[in-house]
Amino acid sequence: MAQQKAGSAKKPEIVEMPPQKMAVVSARGAPDRVFSEVLPALYSSVYTLKFDLKKKGLPTFKVEKLRARYPDAHLVSKEEWTIVAGLPIPEDTTSLPQKVPEKEVKIEIWEYGMVAQVIHLGPYDEEYTTIEGLHRFVEANGYEIAGMHEEEYLTMPDVKVPKTIIRYPVRKK
């Protein structure tokens, strides 16, 4: 399967994605509450890294779209979700500036490989139908879900029609 840019299709697709080094913050709770608590730490850390590289005359990077993983969303109520929010960072990053003392930003490698994904157009609370369709697509194509639910936010949450990639690692049955 050829490697494609994430989110290149509005229909479900199965693509190969390489591992990605990520700056991450973790929290527990509903996304609308948790994001406002953790994203300032995440973004300030990543933008400080970017501008520190620029000041040193080193190659810099584009800050990409926010991604979030929800390892237990299918097991507990939304108010109890574990949320791991992340932003891609350069592969040679070994440490991150900590700009918000009460919220540590860590480095992780997010493994991908074969993934099934689809773009959801509309409010986050209406994703369920899109997720069900992606699950049916995975099953119909001889795959099974092999990892946690991930979302990549292509637009700001306050736009008229939010655009979100919904993604799962998959493997052949």
C-alpha atoms as a PDB file:
ATOM      1  CA  MET A   1       0.000   0.000   0.000  1.00  0.00           C
ATOM      2  CA  ALA A   2       1.469   3.369  -0.964  1.00  0.00           C
ATOM      3  CA  GLN A   3       2.131   5.973   1.665  1.00  0.00           C
ATOM      4  CA  GLN A   4      -0.256   8.894   1.365  1.00  0.00           C
ATOM      5  CA  LYS A   5      -0.662  12.205   3.099  1.00  0.00           C
ATOM      6  CA  ALA A   6      -2.988  11.793   6.062  1.00  0.00           C
ATOM      7  CA  GLY A   7      -6.471  13.058   5.380  1.00  0.00           C
ATOM      8  CA  SER A   8      -6.279  13.033   1.618  1.00  0.00           C
ATOM      9  CA  ALA A   9      -9.724  11.451   1.140  1.00  0.00           C
ATOM     10  CA  LYS A  10     -13.245  12.115   2.379  1.00  0.00           C
ATOM     11  CA  LYS A  11     -14.075   8.440   1.879  1.00  0.00           C
ATOM     12  CA  PRO A  12     -12.557   5.823   4.194  1.00  0.00           C
ATOM     13  CA  GLU A  13      -9.103   4.703   3.139  1.00  0.00           C
ATOM     14  CA  ILE A  14      -6.337   2.432   4.330  1.00  0.00           C
ATOM     15  CA  VAL A  15      -2.871   3.951   4.101  1.00  0.00           C
ATOM     16  CA  GLU A  16       0.604   3.387   5.474  1.00  0.00           C
ATOM     17  CA  MET A  17       1.917   6.032   7.900  1.00  0.00           C
ATOM     18  CA  PRO A  18       5.444   6.198   9.332  1.00  0.00           C
ATOM     19  CA  PRO A  19       6.122   6.566  13.078  1.00  0.00           C
ATOM     20  CA  GLN A  20       6.034  10.175  14.274  1.00  0.00           C
ATOM     21  CA  LYS A  21       7.931  11.842  17.110  1.00  0.00           C
ATOM     22  CA  MET A  22       5.400  13.853  19.100  1.00  0.00           C
ATOM     23  CA  ALA A  23       5.283  16.435  21.875  1.00  0.00           C
ATOM     24  CA  VAL A  24       2.435  15.250  24.108  1.00  0.00           C
ATOM     25  CA  VAL A  25       0.369  16.167  27.140  1.00  0.00           C
ATOM     26  CA  SER A  26      -2.065  13.848  28.884  1.00  0.00           C
ATOM     27  CA  ALA A  27      -5.168  14.544  30.910  1.00  0.00           C
ATOM     28  CA  ARG A  28      -8.443  13.004  32.013  1.00  0.00           C
ATOM     29  CA  GLY A  29     -11.893  14.425  31.298  1.00  0.00           C
ATOM     30  CA  ALA A  30     -14.175  15.692  28.562  1.00  0.00           C
ATOM     31  CA  PRO A  31     -12.262  17.177  25.607  1.00  0.00           C
ATOM     32  CA  ASP A  32     -14.056  20.555  25.758  1.00  0.00           C
ATOM     33  CA  ARG A  33     -12.734  21.016  29.316  1.00  0.00           C
ATOM     34  CA  VAL A  34      -9.384  19.245  29.063  1.00  0.00           C
ATOM     35  CA  PHE A  35      -8.116  20.921  25.890  1.00  0.00           C
ATOM     36  CA  SER A  36      -8.337  24.402  27.415  1.00  0.00           C
ATOM     37  CA  GLU A  37      -6.266  23.122  30.368  1.00  0.00           C
ATOM     38  CA  VAL A  38      -3.492  21.318  28.448  1.00  0.00           C
ATOM     39  CA  LEU A  39      -3.139  22.932  25.028  1.00  0.00           C
ATOM     40  CA  PRO A  40      -1.447  26.113  26.287  1.00  0.00           C
ATOM     41  CA  ALA A  41       1.390  23.950  27.677  1.00  0.00           C
ATOM     42  CA  LEU A  42       1.658  21.889  24.493  1.00  0.00           C
ATOM     43  CA  TYR A  43       1.605  24.772  22.020  1.00  0.00           C
ATOM     44  CA  SER A  44       3.925  27.012  24.048  1.00  0.00           C
ATOM     45  CA  SER A  45       6.454  24.174  24.319  1.00  0.00           C
ATOM     46  CA  VAL A  46       6.386  23.375  20.596  1.00  0.00           C
ATOM     47  CA  TYR A  47       6.474  27.005  19.432  1.00  0.00           C
ATOM     48  CA  THR A  48       9.336  27.765  21.848  1.00  0.00           C
ATOM     49  CA  LEU A  49      11.241  24.781  20.383  1.00  0.00           C
ATOM     50  CA  LYS A  50      10.602  26.108  16.872  1.00  0.00           C
ATOM     51  CA  PHE A  51      11.774  29.654  17.676  1.00  0.00           C
ATOM     52  CA  ASP A  52      14.795  28.432  19.680  1.00  0.00           C
ATOM     53  CA  LEU A  53      15.942  26.511  16.593  1.00  0.00           C
ATOM     54  CA  LYS A  54      15.417  29.589  14.436  1.00  0.00           C
ATOM     55  CA  LYS A  55      17.422  31.799  16.850  1.00  0.00           C
ATOM     56  CA  LYS A  56      20.292  29.291  16.673  1.00  0.00           C
ATOM     57  CA  GLY A  57      20.207  29.349  12.867  1.00  0.00           C
ATOM     58  CA  LEU A  58      19.171  25.695  12.732  1.00  0.00           C
ATOM     59  CA  PRO A  59      16.536  24.201  10.455  1.00  0.00           C
ATOM     60  CA  THR A  60      13.068  24.878  11.803  1.00  0.00           C
ATOM     61  CA  PHE A  61       9.737  23.126  11.181  1.00  0.00           C
ATOM     62  CA  LYS A  62       6.095  23.854  10.483  1.00  0.00           C
ATOM     63  CA  VAL A  63       3.808  23.325  13.472  1.00  0.00           C
ATOM     64  CA  GLU A  64       1.316  20.769  12.175  1.00  0.00           C
ATOM     65  CA  LYS A  65      -2.300  20.091  13.112  1.00  0.00           C
ATOM     66  CA  LEU A  66      -3.198  18.900  16.593  1.00  0.00           C
ATOM     67  CA  ARG A  67      -3.749  15.173  17.067  1.00  0.00           C
ATOM     68  CA  ALA A  68      -5.373  13.465  20.021  1.00  0.00           C
ATOM     69  CA  ARG A  69      -5.617   9.850  21.094  1.00  0.00           C
ATOM     70  CA  TYR A  70      -8.449   8.505  23.204  1.00  0.00           C
ATOM     71  CA  PRO A  71      -7.357   5.107  24.568  1.00  0.00           C
ATOM     72  CA  ASP A  72     -10.445   4.459  26.708  1.00  0.00           C
ATOM     73  CA  ALA A  73     -13.221   6.435  24.968  1.00  0.00           C
ATOM     74  CA  HIS A  74     -15.087   3.205  24.197  1.00  0.00           C
ATOM     75  CA  LEU A  75     -14.874   2.060  27.843  1.00  0.00           C
ATOM     76  CA  VAL A  76     -15.829   5.021  30.041  1.00  0.00           C
ATOM     77  CA  SER A  77     -18.046   8.104  30.008  1.00  0.00           C
ATOM     78  CA  LYS A  78     -16.771  11.230  28.221  1.00  0.00           C
ATOM     79  CA  GLU A  79     -16.080  12.958  31.572  1.00  0.00           C
ATOM     80  CA  GLU A  80     -13.576  10.173  32.418  1.00  0.00           C
ATOM     81  CA  TRP A  81     -11.766   9.874  29.057  1.00  0.00           C
ATOM     82  CA  THR A  82      -7.994   9.712  28.987  1.00  0.00           C
ATOM     83  CA  ILE A  83      -6.790  12.183  26.385  1.00  0.00           C
ATOM     84  CA  VAL A  84      -3.289  12.269  24.935  1.00  0.00           C
ATOM     85  CA  ALA A  85      -2.894  15.410  22.810  1.00  0.00           C
ATOM     86  CA  GLY A  86       0.122  15.749  20.565  1.00  0.00           C
ATOM     87  CA  LEU A  87       1.913  17.807  17.963  1.00  0.00           C
ATOM     88  CA  PRO A  88       4.522  16.376  15.579  1.00  0.00           C
ATOM     89  CA  ILE A  89       8.094  17.549  16.250  1.00  0.00           C
ATOM     90  CA  PRO A  90      11.406  17.010  14.404  1.00  0.00           C
ATOM     91  CA  GLU A  91      12.896  13.516  14.667  1.00  0.00           C
ATOM     92  CA  ASP A  92      16.137  14.839  16.190  1.00  0.00           C
ATOM     93  CA  THR A  93      14.366  16.537  19.135  1.00  0.00           C
ATOM     94  CA  THR A  94      15.731  15.226  22.442  1.00  0.00           C
ATOM     95  CA  SER A  95      14.103  17.606  24.905  1.00  0.00           C
ATOM     96  CA  LEU A  96      11.290  20.133  25.048  1.00  0.00           C
ATOM     97  CA  PRO A  97      11.090  23.519  26.753  1.00  0.00           C
ATOM     98  CA  GLN A  98       8.595  23.399  29.620  1.00  0.00           C
ATOM     99  CA  LYS A  99       6.667  26.682  29.576  1.00  0.00           C
ATOM    100  CA  VAL A 100       3.747  25.775  31.880  1.00  0.00           C
ATOM    101  CA  PRO A 101       5.216  24.333  35.102  1.00  0.00           C
ATOM    102  CA  GLU A 102       2.071  22.510  36.236  1.00  0.00           C
ATOM    103  CA  LYS A 103       1.705  20.533  32.962  1.00  0.00           C
ATOM    104  CA  GLU A 104       4.660  18.519  31.666  1.00  0.00           C
ATOM    105  CA  VAL A 105       5.076  18.135  27.912  1.00  0.00           C
ATOM    106  CA  LYS A 106       6.752  14.828  27.045  1.00  0.00           C
ATOM    107  CA  ILE A 107       8.266  13.299  23.929  1.00  0.00           C
ATOM    108  CA  GLU A 108       6.736  10.092  22.560  1.00  0.00           C
ATOM    109  CA  ILE A 109       6.952   8.114  19.346  1.00  0.00           C
ATOM    110  CA  TRP A 110       3.503   7.450  17.936  1.00  0.00           C
ATOM    111  CA  GLU A 111       3.581   4.229  15.941  1.00  0.00           C
ATOM    112  CA  TYR A 112       1.345   3.977  12.911  1.00  0.00           C
ATOM    113  CA  GLY A 113       1.963   1.486  10.102  1.00  0.00           C
ATOM    114  CA  MET A 114      -1.265   0.534   8.353  1.00  0.00           C
ATOM    115  CA  VAL A 115      -4.137   2.859   9.337  1.00  0.00           C
ATOM    116  CA  ALA A 116      -7.766   3.255   8.371  1.00  0.00           C
ATOM    117  CA  GLN A 117      -8.957   6.836   8.307  1.00  0.00           C
ATOM    118  CA  VAL A 118     -11.730   9.082   7.120  1.00  0.00           C
ATOM    119  CA  ILE A 119     -12.538  12.791   7.270  1.00  0.00           C
ATOM    120  CA  HIS A 120     -15.520  13.716   9.441  1.00  0.00           C
ATOM    121  CA  LEU A 121     -17.259  16.955   8.460  1.00  0.00           C
ATOM    122  CA  GLY A 122     -19.354  18.495  11.216  1.00  0.00           C
ATOM    123  CA  PRO A 123     -19.565  18.827  14.984  1.00  0.00           C
ATOM    124  CA  TYR A 124     -17.474  16.537  17.180  1.00  0.00           C
ATOM    125  CA  ASP A 125     -20.560  15.256  18.977  1.00  0.00           C
ATOM    126  CA  GLU A 126     -21.840  13.920  15.626  1.00  0.00           C
ATOM    127  CA  GLU A 127     -18.753  11.784  14.884  1.00  0.00           C
ATOM    128  CA  TYR A 128     -20.380   8.532  15.981  1.00  0.00           C
ATOM    129  CA  THR A 129     -21.956   7.789  12.564  1.00  0.00           C
ATOM    130  CA  THR A 130     -18.636   8.482  10.810  1.00  0.00           C
ATOM    131  CA  ILE A 131     -16.801   6.227  13.289  1.00  0.00           C
ATOM    132  CA  GLU A 132     -19.336   3.424  12.745  1.00  0.00           C
ATOM    133  CA  GLY A 133     -18.884   3.763   8.981  1.00  0.00           C
ATOM    134  CA  LEU A 134     -15.097   3.557   9.343  1.00  0.00           C
ATOM    135  CA  HIS A 135     -15.445   0.428  11.503  1.00  0.00           C
ATOM    136  CA  ARG A 136     -17.668  -1.184   8.833  1.00  0.00           C
ATOM    137  CA  PHE A 137     -15.144  -0.228   6.125  1.00  0.00           C
ATOM    138  CA  VAL A 138     -12.304  -1.821   8.114  1.00  0.00           C
ATOM    139  CA  GLU A 139     -14.285  -5.045   8.583  1.00  0.00           C
ATOM    140  CA  ALA A 140     -15.478  -5.166   4.956  1.00  0.00           C
ATOM    141  CA  ASN A 141     -11.896  -4.894   3.699  1.00  0.00           C
ATOM    142  CA  GLY A 142     -10.588  -7.797   5.790  1.00  0.00           C
ATOM    143  CA  TYR A 143      -8.908  -5.747   8.515  1.00  0.00           C
ATOM    144  CA  GLU A 144      -9.402  -5.342  12.235  1.00  0.00           C
ATOM    145  CA  ILE A 145      -8.722  -2.385  14.482  1.00  0.00           C
ATOM    146  CA  ALA A 146      -5.327  -2.810  16.143  1.00  0.00           C
ATOM    147  CA  GLY A 147      -4.949   0.324  18.250  1.00  0.00           C
ATOM    148  CA  MET A 148      -6.581   3.321  19.813  1.00  0.00           C
ATOM    149  CA  HIS A 149      -8.907   5.950  18.351  1.00  0.00           C
ATOM    150  CA  GLU A 150      -7.049   9.012  17.086  1.00  0.00           C
ATOM    151  CA  GLU A 151      -8.294  12.311  15.729  1.00  0.00           C
ATOM    152  CA  GLU A 152      -6.433  14.968  13.766  1.00  0.00           C
ATOM    153  CA  TYR A 153      -8.076  18.387  13.844  1.00  0.00           C
ATOM    154  CA  LEU A 154      -7.830  20.040  10.429  1.00  0.00           C
ATOM    155  CA  THR A 155      -9.769  23.162  11.442  1.00  0.00           C
ATOM    156  CA  MET A 156     -10.341  25.226  14.553  1.00  0.00           C
ATOM    157  CA  PRO A 157     -13.273  23.993  16.670  1.00  0.00           C
ATOM    158  CA  ASP A 158     -15.261  27.221  16.223  1.00  0.00           C
ATOM    159  CA  VAL A 159     -15.537  27.065  12.408  1.00  0.00           C
ATOM    160  CA  LYS A 160     -18.930  26.575  10.796  1.00  0.00           C
ATOM    161  CA  VAL A 161     -18.109  23.013   9.691  1.00  0.00           C
ATOM    162  CA  PRO A 162     -15.242  21.421  11.659  1.00  0.00           C
ATOM    163  CA  LYS A 163     -13.064  18.973   9.710  1.00  0.00           C
ATOM    164  CA  THR A 164     -11.512  16.050  11.608  1.00  0.00           C
ATOM    165  CA  ILE A 165      -9.569  12.989  10.483  1.00  0.00           C
ATOM    166  CA  ILE A 166     -10.663   9.922  12.428  1.00  0.00           C
ATOM    167  CA  ARG A 167      -7.965   7.248  12.395  1.00  0.00           C
ATOM    168  CA  TYR A 168      -7.252   3.749  13.735  1.00  0.00           C
ATOM    169  CA  PRO A 169      -4.244   1.469  13.326  1.00  0.00           C
ATOM    170  CA  VAL A 170      -5.393  -1.709  11.560  1.00  0.00           C
ATOM    171  CA  ARG A 171      -4.053  -5.138  10.658  1.00  0.00           C
ATOM    172  CA  LYS A 172      -5.162  -7.863   8.245  1.00  0.00           C
ATOM    173  CA  LYS A 173      -7.366 -10.500   9.839  1.00  0.00           C
END
